[in-house]
Amino acid sequence: MSSALLASTPTTHVQEEQSSRSPPPITTESSQRALLLSQDLQALNAKMYGAYWCSHCYDQKQSLGKGAFDNIQYYECAPEGKDSKRDVCKERDVPGYPTW
């Protein structure tokens, strides 16, 4: 095996790991008010555009709680984020995170 091949192997592995970074889990329960809000947002076809590393996105997710956020269509805009929809975020000209 050549040394060039050996040198490139760790980089590839790191790139694979970085391509699926997940946001922190939502740990709060949804209030009745948050559940109703999520239903209204769903009826309006609202979408949240965010990034796994965005603290404001996480705060909004925590405010809604797990049950309510499950009703929200979420687009991960960070290119290395899990299930990234970076192309959709660029098409929509998302200026920052979170954007609704």
C-alpha atoms as a PDB file:
ATOM      1  CA  MET A   1       0.000   0.000   0.000  1.00  0.00           C
ATOM      2  CA  SER A   2       1.380   3.410  -0.877  1.00  0.00           C
ATOM      3  CA  SER A   3       1.878   6.105   1.747  1.00  0.00           C
ATOM      4  CA  ALA A   4      -0.358   8.469  -0.274  1.00  0.00           C
ATOM      5  CA  LEU A   5      -3.274   6.055   0.075  1.00  0.00           C
ATOM      6  CA  LEU A   6      -2.670   5.657   3.792  1.00  0.00           C
ATOM      7  CA  ALA A   7      -2.545   9.405   4.288  1.00  0.00           C
ATOM      8  CA  SER A   8      -5.897   9.932   2.576  1.00  0.00           C
ATOM      9  CA  THR A   9      -7.813   7.237   4.465  1.00  0.00           C
ATOM     10  CA  PRO A  10      -8.289   9.154   7.764  1.00  0.00           C
ATOM     11  CA  THR A  11      -9.424  12.287   5.913  1.00  0.00           C
ATOM     12  CA  THR A  12     -12.129  10.332   4.093  1.00  0.00           C
ATOM     13  CA  HIS A  13     -13.314   8.822   7.366  1.00  0.00           C
ATOM     14  CA  VAL A  14     -13.495  12.260   9.005  1.00  0.00           C
ATOM     15  CA  GLN A  15     -15.451  13.645   6.054  1.00  0.00           C
ATOM     16  CA  GLU A  16     -17.973  10.789   6.353  1.00  0.00           C
ATOM     17  CA  GLU A  17     -18.421  11.480  10.072  1.00  0.00           C
ATOM     18  CA  GLN A  18     -18.884  15.213   9.470  1.00  0.00           C
ATOM     19  CA  SER A  19     -21.458  14.643   6.749  1.00  0.00           C
ATOM     20  CA  SER A  20     -24.031  13.427   9.261  1.00  0.00           C
ATOM     21  CA  ARG A  21     -23.882  15.729  12.268  1.00  0.00           C
ATOM     22  CA  SER A  22     -27.105  15.688  14.232  1.00  0.00           C
ATOM     23  CA  PRO A  23     -28.576  18.448  16.375  1.00  0.00           C
ATOM     24  CA  PRO A  24     -28.922  17.828  20.104  1.00  0.00           C
ATOM     25  CA  PRO A  25     -32.062  15.863  20.969  1.00  0.00           C
ATOM     26  CA  ILE A  26     -35.227  17.677  22.022  1.00  0.00           C
ATOM     27  CA  THR A  27     -35.674  16.822  25.687  1.00  0.00           C
ATOM     28  CA  THR A  28     -38.821  18.757  26.610  1.00  0.00           C
ATOM     29  CA  GLU A  29     -42.426  17.642  26.537  1.00  0.00           C
ATOM     30  CA  SER A  30     -44.862  19.741  24.533  1.00  0.00           C
ATOM     31  CA  SER A  31     -47.498  21.796  26.287  1.00  0.00           C
ATOM     32  CA  GLN A  32     -51.049  21.787  24.975  1.00  0.00           C
ATOM     33  CA  ARG A  33     -50.453  25.317  23.685  1.00  0.00           C
ATOM     34  CA  ALA A  34     -47.318  24.201  21.787  1.00  0.00           C
ATOM     35  CA  LEU A  35     -49.217  21.285  20.256  1.00  0.00           C
ATOM     36  CA  LEU A  36     -51.963  23.633  19.058  1.00  0.00           C
ATOM     37  CA  LEU A  37     -49.374  26.042  17.669  1.00  0.00           C
ATOM     38  CA  SER A  38     -47.670  23.216  15.770  1.00  0.00           C
ATOM     39  CA  GLN A  39     -51.015  22.226  14.249  1.00  0.00           C
ATOM     40  CA  ASP A  40     -51.581  25.823  13.128  1.00  0.00           C
ATOM     41  CA  LEU A  41     -48.075  25.995  11.662  1.00  0.00           C
ATOM     42  CA  GLN A  42     -48.649  22.692   9.877  1.00  0.00           C
ATOM     43  CA  ALA A  43     -51.955  23.973   8.433  1.00  0.00           C
ATOM     44  CA  LEU A  44     -50.082  27.038   7.129  1.00  0.00           C
ATOM     45  CA  ASN A  45     -47.462  24.764   5.554  1.00  0.00           C
ATOM     46  CA  ALA A  46     -44.810  26.526   7.659  1.00  0.00           C
ATOM     47  CA  LYS A  47     -41.270  25.209   7.540  1.00  0.00           C
ATOM     48  CA  MET A  48     -38.316  25.762   9.812  1.00  0.00           C
ATOM     49  CA  TYR A  49     -34.894  26.230   8.242  1.00  0.00           C
ATOM     50  CA  GLY A  50     -32.031  25.709  10.655  1.00  0.00           C
ATOM     51  CA  ALA A  51     -28.652  24.190  11.375  1.00  0.00           C
ATOM     52  CA  TYR A  52     -27.624  21.492  13.829  1.00  0.00           C
ATOM     53  CA  TRP A  53     -25.155  23.888  15.507  1.00  0.00           C
ATOM     54  CA  CYS A  54     -27.617  26.797  15.856  1.00  0.00           C
ATOM     55  CA  SER A  55     -28.414  27.551  19.507  1.00  0.00           C
ATOM     56  CA  HIS A  56     -31.460  29.677  18.618  1.00  0.00           C
ATOM     57  CA  CYS A  57     -32.878  26.808  16.551  1.00  0.00           C
ATOM     58  CA  TYR A  58     -32.389  24.470  19.485  1.00  0.00           C
ATOM     59  CA  ASP A  59     -34.077  26.949  21.839  1.00  0.00           C
ATOM     60  CA  GLN A  60     -37.135  27.083  19.569  1.00  0.00           C
ATOM     61  CA  LYS A  61     -37.243  23.295  19.289  1.00  0.00           C
ATOM     62  CA  GLN A  62     -37.034  23.008  23.078  1.00  0.00           C
ATOM     63  CA  SER A  63     -39.801  25.606  23.494  1.00  0.00           C
ATOM     64  CA  LEU A  64     -42.098  23.601  21.231  1.00  0.00           C
ATOM     65  CA  GLY A  65     -41.150  20.258  22.736  1.00  0.00           C
ATOM     66  CA  LYS A  66     -40.740  16.882  21.068  1.00  0.00           C
ATOM     67  CA  GLY A  67     -44.388  16.162  20.276  1.00  0.00           C
ATOM     68  CA  ALA A  68     -45.074  19.544  18.716  1.00  0.00           C
ATOM     69  CA  PHE A  69     -41.806  19.664  16.781  1.00  0.00           C
ATOM     70  CA  ASP A  70     -42.573  16.273  15.251  1.00  0.00           C
ATOM     71  CA  ASN A  71     -45.390  18.086  13.381  1.00  0.00           C
ATOM     72  CA  ILE A  72     -43.031  20.723  11.939  1.00  0.00           C
ATOM     73  CA  GLN A  73     -41.347  20.340   8.586  1.00  0.00           C
ATOM     74  CA  TYR A  74     -37.664  21.004   9.296  1.00  0.00           C
ATOM     75  CA  TYR A  75     -34.904  21.660   6.766  1.00  0.00           C
ATOM     76  CA  GLU A  76     -31.303  21.162   7.866  1.00  0.00           C
ATOM     77  CA  CYS A  77     -29.297  23.835   6.050  1.00  0.00           C
ATOM     78  CA  ALA A  78     -25.770  23.011   7.223  1.00  0.00           C
ATOM     79  CA  PRO A  79     -24.020  21.091   4.462  1.00  0.00           C
ATOM     80  CA  GLU A  80     -22.499  18.656   6.969  1.00  0.00           C
ATOM     81  CA  GLY A  81     -25.756  18.243   8.901  1.00  0.00           C
ATOM     82  CA  LYS A  82     -27.671  14.985   8.967  1.00  0.00           C
ATOM     83  CA  ASP A  83     -30.137  14.794   6.049  1.00  0.00           C
ATOM     84  CA  SER A  84     -28.914  18.178   4.814  1.00  0.00           C
ATOM     85  CA  LYS A  85     -31.244  20.053   2.472  1.00  0.00           C
ATOM     86  CA  ARG A  86     -28.674  22.730   1.691  1.00  0.00           C
ATOM     87  CA  ASP A  87     -29.896  23.018  -1.900  1.00  0.00           C
ATOM     88  CA  VAL A  88     -33.435  23.852  -0.720  1.00  0.00           C
ATOM     89  CA  CYS A  89     -32.099  26.446   1.729  1.00  0.00           C
ATOM     90  CA  LYS A  90     -30.089  28.094  -1.054  1.00  0.00           C
ATOM     91  CA  GLU A  91     -33.115  28.091  -3.401  1.00  0.00           C
ATOM     92  CA  ARG A  92     -35.172  29.814  -0.679  1.00  0.00           C
ATOM     93  CA  ASP A  93     -32.383  32.345   0.044  1.00  0.00           C
ATOM     94  CA  VAL A  94     -32.468  31.520   3.752  1.00  0.00           C
ATOM     95  CA  PRO A  95     -30.690  34.512   5.344  1.00  0.00           C
ATOM     96  CA  GLY A  96     -29.930  32.976   8.758  1.00  0.00           C
ATOM     97  CA  TYR A  97     -31.101  30.485  11.316  1.00  0.00           C
ATOM     98  CA  PRO A  98     -33.727  29.884  12.336  1.00  0.00           C
ATOM     99  CA  THR A  99     -35.895  31.065   9.482  1.00  0.00           C
ATOM    100  CA  TRP A 100     -39.574  30.233   9.245  1.00  0.00           C
END
